[in-house]
């Protein structure tokens, strides 16, 4: 069981999306999870990804706590006439992480596979850890097209990366039909798809790289079901959406993950 990449430490990344509504609410949420996290920091690596306006405030609150900071998106150019965009270079003074290719970015803002590849390459080039999201639509899932769709997204996302980039890359499998719907993938389906992801990484940038790239599950993950994912042999943690906005629930998730990984011998 557990991670085959970084031993007995699992990654939990909290994607707050466009929440919460105020800086004070963001601060309250951070404070509420700091103590529960400290109790389990030996087994859980925690990254919080708030909206851009709350990044600096959250950065101050988590300083010297071991909690890491991430942005929810970035642009691939370093600077220029790109109104409203934020470059990966601008994030590096505050963030350790950036999410690229989330299904909401693909669906609502029409990001292409090429856009996602350029963002992933820019994030890694600027020294950020990149969480690259992939996942199939409900129509793909019901038609049995998960493998070609997800495999194609992985290949495209890696198209500007090399084997040396693999320690800085995390791939999150988020079936689109499970995001914010209350549905979640059966662990067997999640496992098969995460196995496909790692196999595809090996084909594109090498088997050595495939052993270094971490793979997460996301999609309606909550305190009741997270154990069924993090105990899977190829699952290195979870990307958590709505449940990460509920301090009590997210704290339970941290504790559950720590308990699972506390029983997994380190492979490092």
Protein backbone atom coordinates (compact mmCIF):
# COMPACT_ATOMS: atom_id res chain seq x y z
CA UNK A 1 0.00 0.00 0.00
CA UNK A 2 0.87 3.66 -0.16
CA UNK A 3 3.21 5.83 -2.10
CA UNK A 4 5.88 4.28 -4.26
CA UNK A 5 7.59 7.63 -4.75
CA UNK A 6 8.35 9.36 -1.47
CA UNK A 7 7.93 6.63 1.04
CA UNK A 8 5.56 7.11 3.93
CA UNK A 9 4.60 10.74 3.33
CA UNK A 10 1.38 11.47 1.47
CA UNK A 11 0.48 14.73 -0.30
CA UNK A 12 -2.81 16.46 0.46
CA UNK A 13 -3.40 19.53 -1.70
CA UNK A 14 -6.34 21.78 -0.80
CA UNK A 15 -7.85 23.51 -3.83
CA UNK A 16 -10.04 26.28 -2.42
CA UNK A 17 -11.16 27.37 -5.90
CA UNK A 18 -12.91 30.79 -5.72
CA UNK A 19 -13.41 30.56 -1.95
CA UNK A 20 -13.70 31.84 0.73
CA UNK A 21 -15.23 35.27 0.23
CA UNK A 22 -12.99 37.27 2.58
CA UNK A 23 -9.42 37.42 3.81
CA UNK A 24 -10.59 36.94 7.40
CA UNK A 25 -12.47 33.77 6.47
CA UNK A 26 -9.36 32.50 4.70
CA UNK A 27 -7.27 33.21 7.80
CA UNK A 28 -9.79 31.45 10.06
CA UNK A 29 -9.73 28.39 7.84
CA UNK A 30 -5.94 28.19 7.90
CA UNK A 31 -5.77 28.59 11.67
CA UNK A 32 -8.36 25.86 12.16
CA UNK A 33 -6.31 23.24 10.34
CA UNK A 34 -2.81 24.16 11.54
CA UNK A 35 -3.00 22.35 14.88
CA UNK A 36 -4.48 19.14 13.44
CA UNK A 37 -1.83 19.19 10.76
CA UNK A 38 1.06 19.65 13.20
CA UNK A 39 0.03 16.44 14.95
CA UNK A 40 0.39 14.49 11.70
CA UNK A 41 3.13 16.33 9.84
CA UNK A 42 5.43 13.30 9.94
CA UNK A 43 3.18 11.44 7.51
CA UNK A 44 1.34 14.16 5.57
CA UNK A 45 2.68 16.84 3.25
CA UNK A 46 0.09 19.61 3.09
CA UNK A 47 -0.28 22.25 0.38
CA UNK A 48 -2.96 24.95 0.48
CA UNK A 49 -4.01 26.57 -2.79
CA UNK A 50 -6.15 29.68 -2.15
CA UNK A 51 -7.28 32.32 -4.65
CA UNK A 52 -4.63 34.84 -5.69
CA UNK A 53 -5.80 37.68 -3.36
CA UNK A 54 -5.37 35.51 -0.27
CA UNK A 55 -1.93 34.09 -1.14
CA UNK A 56 0.15 36.59 0.83
CA UNK A 57 -2.01 36.45 3.93
CA UNK A 58 -1.97 32.66 3.94
CA UNK A 59 1.78 32.70 3.35
CA UNK A 60 2.29 34.71 6.54
CA UNK A 61 0.07 32.39 8.58
CA UNK A 62 1.82 29.18 7.49
CA UNK A 63 5.38 30.45 7.75
CA UNK A 64 7.55 27.94 9.64
CA UNK A 65 4.64 25.49 10.05
CA UNK A 66 5.66 23.03 7.33
CA UNK A 67 2.48 23.77 5.38
CA UNK A 68 3.23 24.73 1.78
CA UNK A 69 1.50 27.25 -0.47
CA UNK A 70 0.18 26.82 -3.98
CA UNK A 71 -1.59 28.85 -6.64
CA UNK A 72 -4.51 27.53 -8.66
CA UNK A 73 -3.16 28.53 -12.05
CA UNK A 74 -0.36 30.41 -13.82
CA UNK A 75 0.47 31.86 -17.21
CA UNK A 76 3.40 30.65 -19.24
CA UNK A 77 4.95 34.02 -20.17
CA UNK A 78 7.17 35.66 -17.55
CA UNK A 79 5.79 39.17 -18.09
CA UNK A 80 4.06 41.29 -20.69
CA UNK A 81 0.76 42.68 -21.95
CA UNK A 82 -1.46 39.87 -20.65
CA UNK A 83 -4.13 41.67 -18.64
CA UNK A 84 -5.41 39.65 -15.71
CA UNK A 85 -2.81 36.91 -15.93
CA UNK A 86 -0.27 35.90 -13.27
CA UNK A 87 2.99 34.32 -14.37
CA UNK A 88 4.74 31.40 -12.75
CA UNK A 89 7.70 33.71 -12.17
CA UNK A 90 5.50 36.03 -10.07
CA UNK A 91 4.46 33.15 -7.83
CA UNK A 92 7.89 31.85 -6.90
CA UNK A 93 8.52 34.30 -4.07
CA UNK A 94 5.50 32.99 -2.19
CA UNK A 95 4.43 29.64 -3.56
CA UNK A 96 5.97 26.20 -3.73
CA UNK A 97 3.15 24.74 -5.83
CA UNK A 98 0.90 25.55 -8.76
CA UNK A 99 -2.09 23.67 -10.17
CA UNK A 100 -2.41 23.51 -13.96
CA UNK A 101 -5.03 21.99 -16.23
CA UNK A 102 -7.87 21.68 -13.72
CA UNK A 103 -11.03 20.53 -15.48
CA UNK A 104 -12.77 23.79 -14.58
CA UNK A 105 -10.02 25.71 -16.38
CA UNK A 106 -10.37 23.41 -19.38
CA UNK A 107 -14.18 23.60 -19.45
CA UNK A 108 -15.00 27.19 -18.45
CA UNK A 109 -11.93 28.98 -19.81
CA UNK A 110 -11.34 26.75 -22.82
CA UNK A 111 -7.77 25.80 -21.97
CA UNK A 112 -6.30 23.40 -24.49
CA UNK A 113 -3.87 20.56 -23.92
CA UNK A 114 -1.18 22.80 -25.42
CA UNK A 115 -1.99 25.58 -22.95
CA UNK A 116 -1.72 23.13 -20.07
CA UNK A 117 1.62 21.80 -21.34
CA UNK A 118 3.04 25.33 -21.59
CA UNK A 119 1.87 26.15 -18.07
CA UNK A 120 3.34 22.96 -16.64
CA UNK A 121 6.69 23.65 -18.32
CA UNK A 122 6.69 27.28 -17.13
CA UNK A 123 5.91 26.30 -13.55
CA UNK A 124 8.70 23.75 -13.38
CA UNK A 125 11.14 26.11 -15.13
CA UNK A 126 10.49 28.68 -12.41
CA UNK A 127 11.15 26.16 -9.63
CA UNK A 128 7.56 25.39 -8.67
CA UNK A 129 6.13 21.96 -7.97
CA UNK A 130 3.39 21.41 -10.55
CA UNK A 131 0.12 19.55 -10.02
CA UNK A 132 -1.07 18.62 -13.51
CA UNK A 133 -4.76 17.64 -13.59
CA UNK A 134 -6.21 15.11 -15.99
CA UNK A 135 -9.59 13.41 -16.17
CA UNK A 136 -12.39 12.23 -18.43
CA UNK A 137 -15.91 13.58 -18.93
CA UNK A 138 -18.96 11.51 -18.01
CA UNK A 139 -19.58 10.77 -21.69
CA UNK A 140 -16.07 9.34 -21.98
CA UNK A 141 -16.45 7.31 -18.80
CA UNK A 142 -19.77 5.75 -19.79
CA UNK A 143 -18.43 4.96 -23.26
CA UNK A 144 -15.39 3.20 -21.81
CA UNK A 145 -13.04 5.86 -23.18
CA UNK A 146 -11.20 6.70 -19.95
CA UNK A 147 -7.88 5.24 -21.08
CA UNK A 148 -7.48 7.05 -24.43
CA UNK A 149 -8.74 10.34 -23.04
CA UNK A 150 -6.65 10.39 -19.86
CA UNK A 151 -3.65 8.87 -21.59
CA UNK A 152 -3.87 11.56 -24.26
CA UNK A 153 -4.04 14.33 -21.67
CA UNK A 154 -0.97 12.95 -19.90
CA UNK A 155 0.99 12.71 -23.14
CA UNK A 156 0.07 16.26 -24.08
CA UNK A 157 0.83 17.60 -20.61
CA UNK A 158 4.30 16.07 -20.68
CA UNK A 159 5.11 17.22 -24.19
CA UNK A 160 7.40 20.06 -23.07
CA UNK A 161 8.96 18.21 -20.11
CA UNK A 162 11.92 15.90 -19.73
CA UNK A 163 12.88 13.11 -17.34
CA UNK A 164 14.80 15.56 -15.15
CA UNK A 165 11.54 17.41 -14.46
CA UNK A 166 9.84 14.36 -12.95
CA UNK A 167 10.66 15.02 -9.27
CA UNK A 168 8.84 18.35 -9.59
CA UNK A 169 5.70 16.95 -11.20
CA UNK A 170 2.54 15.56 -9.64
CA UNK A 171 -0.33 14.28 -11.77
CA UNK A 172 -3.81 14.43 -10.27
CA UNK A 173 -6.43 12.10 -11.70
CA UNK A 174 -9.75 13.90 -11.34
CA UNK A 175 -12.62 12.30 -13.24
CA UNK A 176 -14.66 15.31 -14.34
CA UNK A 177 -17.92 13.51 -13.61
CA UNK A 178 -16.86 13.22 -9.96
CA UNK A 179 -15.86 16.86 -9.33
CA UNK A 180 -18.41 18.68 -7.19
CA UNK A 181 -21.09 16.12 -8.02
CA UNK A 182 -21.02 14.01 -4.89
CA UNK A 183 -20.06 11.04 -7.09
CA UNK A 184 -16.67 9.49 -6.71
CA UNK A 185 -14.78 6.90 -8.69
CA UNK A 186 -14.75 3.36 -7.45
CA UNK A 187 -11.29 2.63 -6.02
CA UNK A 188 -10.74 -0.08 -8.66
CA UNK A 189 -11.38 2.42 -11.46
CA UNK A 190 -9.15 5.01 -9.79
CA UNK A 191 -6.38 2.44 -9.39
CA UNK A 192 -6.52 1.31 -13.02
CA UNK A 193 -6.44 4.91 -14.23
CA UNK A 194 -3.56 5.88 -11.95
CA UNK A 195 -1.68 2.82 -13.19
CA UNK A 196 -2.32 3.99 -16.76
CA UNK A 197 -1.01 7.45 -15.86
CA UNK A 198 2.24 6.10 -14.46
CA UNK A 199 2.66 3.76 -17.43
CA UNK A 200 2.12 6.67 -19.84
CA UNK A 201 4.68 8.79 -18.01
CA UNK A 202 7.14 5.95 -18.45
CA UNK A 203 6.46 5.76 -22.18
CA UNK A 204 6.84 9.52 -22.70
CA UNK A 205 9.76 10.52 -20.47
CA UNK A 206 11.15 7.22 -19.20
CA UNK A 207 10.59 4.54 -16.59
CA UNK A 208 12.92 6.24 -14.13
CA UNK A 209 10.78 9.36 -14.36
CA UNK A 210 7.62 7.32 -13.88
CA UNK A 211 8.90 6.22 -10.49
CA UNK A 212 9.44 9.83 -9.39
CA UNK A 213 6.18 11.41 -10.57
CA UNK A 214 3.56 11.31 -7.83
CA UNK A 215 -0.05 10.49 -8.71
CA UNK A 216 -3.03 11.81 -6.74
CA UNK A 217 -6.76 11.16 -6.80
CA UNK A 218 -9.31 13.97 -6.75
CA UNK A 219 -13.06 14.23 -7.25
CA UNK A 220 -15.54 14.51 -4.36
CA UNK A 221 -12.95 13.25 -1.89
CA UNK A 222 -14.17 13.55 1.69
CA UNK A 223 -13.53 12.21 5.17
CA UNK A 224 -15.75 9.19 4.53
CA UNK A 225 -13.99 7.94 1.39
CA UNK A 226 -10.40 9.22 1.46
CA UNK A 227 -9.02 6.08 3.08
CA UNK A 228 -10.21 3.95 0.15
CA UNK A 229 -8.00 6.02 -2.17
CA UNK A 230 -4.85 6.67 -0.17
CA UNK A 231 -4.52 2.98 0.64
CA UNK A 232 -4.31 2.13 -3.07
CA UNK A 233 -0.84 0.94 -4.12
CA UNK A 234 -0.24 3.73 -6.66
CA UNK A 235 -1.95 6.63 -4.88
CA UNK A 236 0.41 9.21 -3.41
CA UNK A 237 -2.31 11.42 -1.91
CA UNK A 238 -5.33 13.49 -2.89
CA UNK A 239 -6.29 16.83 -4.41
CA UNK A 240 -9.23 17.98 -2.31
CA UNK A 241 -11.82 20.55 -3.37
CA UNK A 242 -14.98 21.32 -1.42
CA UNK A 243 -14.07 19.28 1.65
CA UNK A 244 -10.92 21.38 2.17
CA UNK A 245 -13.16 24.38 2.96
CA UNK A 246 -14.61 22.59 5.99
CA UNK A 247 -11.99 22.70 8.72
CA UNK A 248 -13.40 19.84 10.79
CA UNK A 249 -13.78 17.53 7.82
CA UNK A 250 -10.39 18.37 6.35
CA UNK A 251 -8.76 17.81 9.74
CA UNK A 252 -10.32 14.34 9.83
CA UNK A 253 -8.93 13.69 6.36
CA UNK A 254 -5.44 14.68 7.47
CA UNK A 255 -5.71 12.30 10.43
CA UNK A 256 -6.98 9.45 8.25
CA UNK A 257 -4.19 9.84 5.72
CA UNK A 258 -1.62 9.99 8.50
CA UNK A 259 -2.98 6.79 10.02
CA UNK A 260 -2.79 4.94 6.70
CA UNK A 261 0.71 6.17 5.89
CA UNK A 262 1.93 5.64 9.41
CA UNK A 263 1.69 1.93 8.75
CA UNK A 264 3.55 1.99 5.43
CA UNK A 265 7.32 1.38 5.58
CA UNK A 266 9.38 4.10 3.95
CA UNK A 267 10.78 3.26 0.51
CA UNK A 268 13.29 6.10 0.52
